[in-house]
Amino acid sequence: MTRYFAFASLLVLTGCASTGNVPASGTAFKLDGCSPFLNCVSSESSVGLYKVQPIALTQPLDPSSWDRIKSTALELPGASLEEARYGYANITYYSDFFGFPDFLEILVADDGQHLNVRSQSMLGFYDLGVNRARVERLRERLAAEDIARGAAP
């Protein structure tokens, strides 16, 4: 019985955190890909199951629009800012009922015209579509503020 409990606990707690290779400054890096579980989406993933489109900006990123992007991301329910600098933000979201943590990372692309995003649940194998919905909600809110273009093609 103890073995089953330990194995079940391992399955439930399996998950990943934010990108592990984030340098102390700058934006010259890529967000991590997704683990083989169904609890992550990323604009930098090459696997269709995990792929979301980058968020296309209406104007090249500048300090003012970056502040608005961070503010909009932090207005989503359960948000807590972990780390931010110009062009990169790492935000943890906590679910309403159980307080499960999910991570959202936003990174300006090299062209300054797109935001790469990665959203992953810390716990479990499947997120019930929560992370994809979070990215699309952020895209919609940024579009409503005329910071980004609307829905991904």
Protein backbone atom coordinates (compact mmCIF):
# COMPACT_ATOMS: atom_id res chain seq x y z
CA MET A 1 0.00 0.00 0.00
CA THR A 2 2.83 2.40 0.85
CA ARG A 3 4.39 1.77 -2.55
CA TYR A 4 1.15 2.64 -4.29
CA PHE A 5 0.82 5.83 -2.28
CA ALA A 6 4.41 6.83 -3.05
CA PHE A 7 3.92 6.11 -6.77
CA ALA A 8 0.61 8.00 -6.88
CA SER A 9 2.20 10.96 -5.08
CA LEU A 10 5.03 11.00 -7.61
CA LEU A 11 2.56 11.03 -10.49
CA VAL A 12 0.53 13.88 -9.04
CA LEU A 13 3.51 16.00 -8.09
CA THR A 14 5.34 15.58 -11.38
CA GLY A 15 5.70 18.91 -13.05
CA CYS A 16 8.22 21.53 -13.95
CA ALA A 17 8.93 25.05 -12.94
CA SER A 18 9.89 28.07 -14.95
CA THR A 19 12.69 28.15 -17.49
CA GLY A 20 15.92 26.99 -15.91
CA ASN A 21 18.38 28.83 -18.13
CA VAL A 22 17.32 32.42 -17.43
CA PRO A 23 20.39 34.67 -17.33
CA ALA A 24 20.67 37.38 -14.70
CA SER A 25 20.05 40.11 -17.29
CA GLY A 26 18.95 40.59 -20.86
CA THR A 27 16.57 38.70 -23.09
CA ALA A 28 19.01 36.76 -25.29
CA PHE A 29 17.71 33.30 -24.38
CA LYS A 30 14.83 30.99 -25.20
CA LEU A 31 12.09 29.72 -22.94
CA ASP A 32 12.23 26.04 -22.07
CA GLY A 33 10.11 23.59 -24.00
CA CYS A 34 7.34 21.55 -22.47
CA SER A 35 7.71 18.24 -20.67
CA PRO A 36 5.93 15.24 -22.27
CA PHE A 37 2.90 15.84 -20.03
CA LEU A 38 -0.26 17.68 -21.06
CA ASN A 39 0.24 20.52 -18.57
CA CYS A 40 2.12 23.09 -20.65
CA VAL A 41 1.92 25.35 -23.68
CA SER A 42 4.73 27.34 -25.26
CA SER A 43 5.14 29.57 -28.28
CA GLU A 44 8.66 28.17 -28.66
CA SER A 45 7.56 24.52 -28.76
CA SER A 46 8.00 22.61 -31.99
CA VAL A 47 5.40 20.04 -30.89
CA GLY A 48 1.91 20.95 -32.12
CA LEU A 49 0.22 19.64 -28.99
CA TYR A 50 2.02 22.21 -26.84
CA LYS A 51 2.28 25.02 -29.39
CA VAL A 52 0.61 28.41 -28.99
CA GLN A 53 1.31 31.34 -31.27
CA PRO A 54 3.53 34.15 -29.97
CA ILE A 55 1.64 37.30 -29.07
CA ALA A 56 2.07 39.77 -31.92
CA LEU A 57 2.49 43.36 -30.74
CA THR A 58 0.92 46.30 -32.57
CA GLN A 59 4.11 48.36 -32.11
CA PRO A 60 7.70 47.42 -31.26
CA LEU A 61 8.16 46.90 -27.53
CA ASP A 62 9.10 49.99 -25.52
CA PRO A 63 9.25 50.62 -21.75
CA SER A 64 5.71 52.02 -21.65
CA SER A 65 4.14 49.08 -23.48
CA TRP A 66 6.20 46.64 -21.37
CA ASP A 67 4.77 48.16 -18.18
CA ARG A 68 1.25 47.79 -19.61
CA ILE A 69 1.93 44.16 -20.59
CA LYS A 70 3.13 43.31 -17.07
CA SER A 71 0.17 45.11 -15.50
CA THR A 72 -2.29 43.27 -17.73
CA ALA A 73 -0.69 39.89 -16.96
CA LEU A 74 -0.83 40.65 -13.24
CA GLU A 75 -4.55 41.47 -13.47
CA LEU A 76 -5.34 37.87 -14.39
CA PRO A 77 -6.77 35.93 -11.40
CA GLY A 78 -4.31 34.54 -8.85
CA ALA A 79 -1.23 36.36 -10.20
CA SER A 80 1.95 36.85 -8.20
CA LEU A 81 5.04 38.39 -9.80
CA GLU A 82 8.17 36.29 -9.22
CA GLU A 83 10.67 38.11 -11.41
CA ALA A 84 10.55 40.87 -13.99
CA ARG A 85 12.87 43.04 -15.98
CA TYR A 86 12.48 44.79 -19.29
CA GLY A 87 11.46 42.11 -21.79
CA TYR A 88 11.04 39.18 -19.38
CA ALA A 89 8.50 38.34 -16.69
CA ASN A 90 7.95 35.22 -14.60
CA ILE A 91 4.53 35.14 -12.95
CA THR A 92 3.02 32.45 -10.74
CA TYR A 93 -0.75 31.98 -10.79
CA TYR A 94 -2.54 30.20 -7.97
CA SER A 95 -5.85 28.44 -8.63
CA ASP A 96 -8.85 29.71 -6.68
CA PHE A 97 -9.96 26.60 -4.87
CA PHE A 98 -6.84 24.51 -4.14
CA GLY A 99 -4.17 27.15 -4.70
CA PHE A 100 -2.27 25.02 -7.23
CA PRO A 101 0.63 26.98 -8.78
CA ASP A 102 1.02 27.52 -12.53
CA PHE A 103 3.84 29.46 -14.13
CA LEU A 104 3.61 31.98 -16.96
CA GLU A 105 6.71 33.36 -18.60
CA ILE A 106 6.71 36.23 -21.06
CA LEU A 107 9.81 36.97 -23.15
CA VAL A 108 10.15 39.55 -25.89
CA ALA A 109 11.30 37.99 -29.16
CA ASP A 110 14.49 39.16 -30.86
CA ASP A 111 12.45 41.21 -33.35
CA GLY A 112 10.83 43.24 -30.53
CA GLN A 113 7.45 42.74 -32.25
CA HIS A 114 6.34 39.51 -30.55
CA LEU A 115 6.08 38.06 -27.08
CA ASN A 116 7.03 34.44 -26.58
CA VAL A 117 5.01 32.80 -23.83
CA ARG A 118 5.22 29.62 -21.81
CA SER A 119 2.62 28.53 -19.28
CA GLN A 120 2.90 25.33 -17.26
CA SER A 121 1.26 23.71 -14.28
CA MET A 122 3.60 22.83 -11.45
CA LEU A 123 1.55 19.81 -10.38
CA GLY A 124 0.07 16.94 -12.34
CA PHE A 125 0.12 15.54 -15.84
CA TYR A 126 -2.86 17.36 -17.33
CA ASP A 127 -4.02 20.93 -16.86
CA LEU A 128 -7.55 20.69 -18.33
CA GLY A 129 -6.59 23.41 -20.82
CA VAL A 130 -6.01 26.04 -18.12
CA ASN A 131 -2.60 27.14 -19.41
CA ARG A 132 -3.71 27.55 -23.03
CA ALA A 133 -6.76 29.48 -21.84
CA ARG A 134 -4.54 31.75 -19.71
CA VAL A 135 -2.30 32.60 -22.67
CA GLU A 136 -5.31 33.29 -24.91
CA ARG A 137 -6.95 35.42 -22.20
CA LEU A 138 -3.75 37.47 -21.93
CA ARG A 139 -3.66 37.83 -25.73
CA GLU A 140 -7.31 39.02 -25.75
CA ARG A 141 -6.75 41.55 -22.98
CA LEU A 142 -3.63 42.95 -24.62
CA ALA A 143 -5.57 43.22 -27.90
CA ALA A 144 -8.39 45.05 -26.10
CA GLU A 145 -5.79 47.58 -24.92
CA ASP A 146 -4.38 47.84 -28.46
CA ILE A 147 -1.00 46.51 -27.34
CA ALA A 148 -1.28 43.25 -29.28
CA ARG A 149 -3.11 41.89 -32.27
CA GLY A 150 -6.18 39.76 -31.64
CA ALA A 151 -6.65 36.02 -31.71
CA ALA A 152 -3.91 33.86 -33.10
CA PRO A 153 -4.48 32.52 -36.64
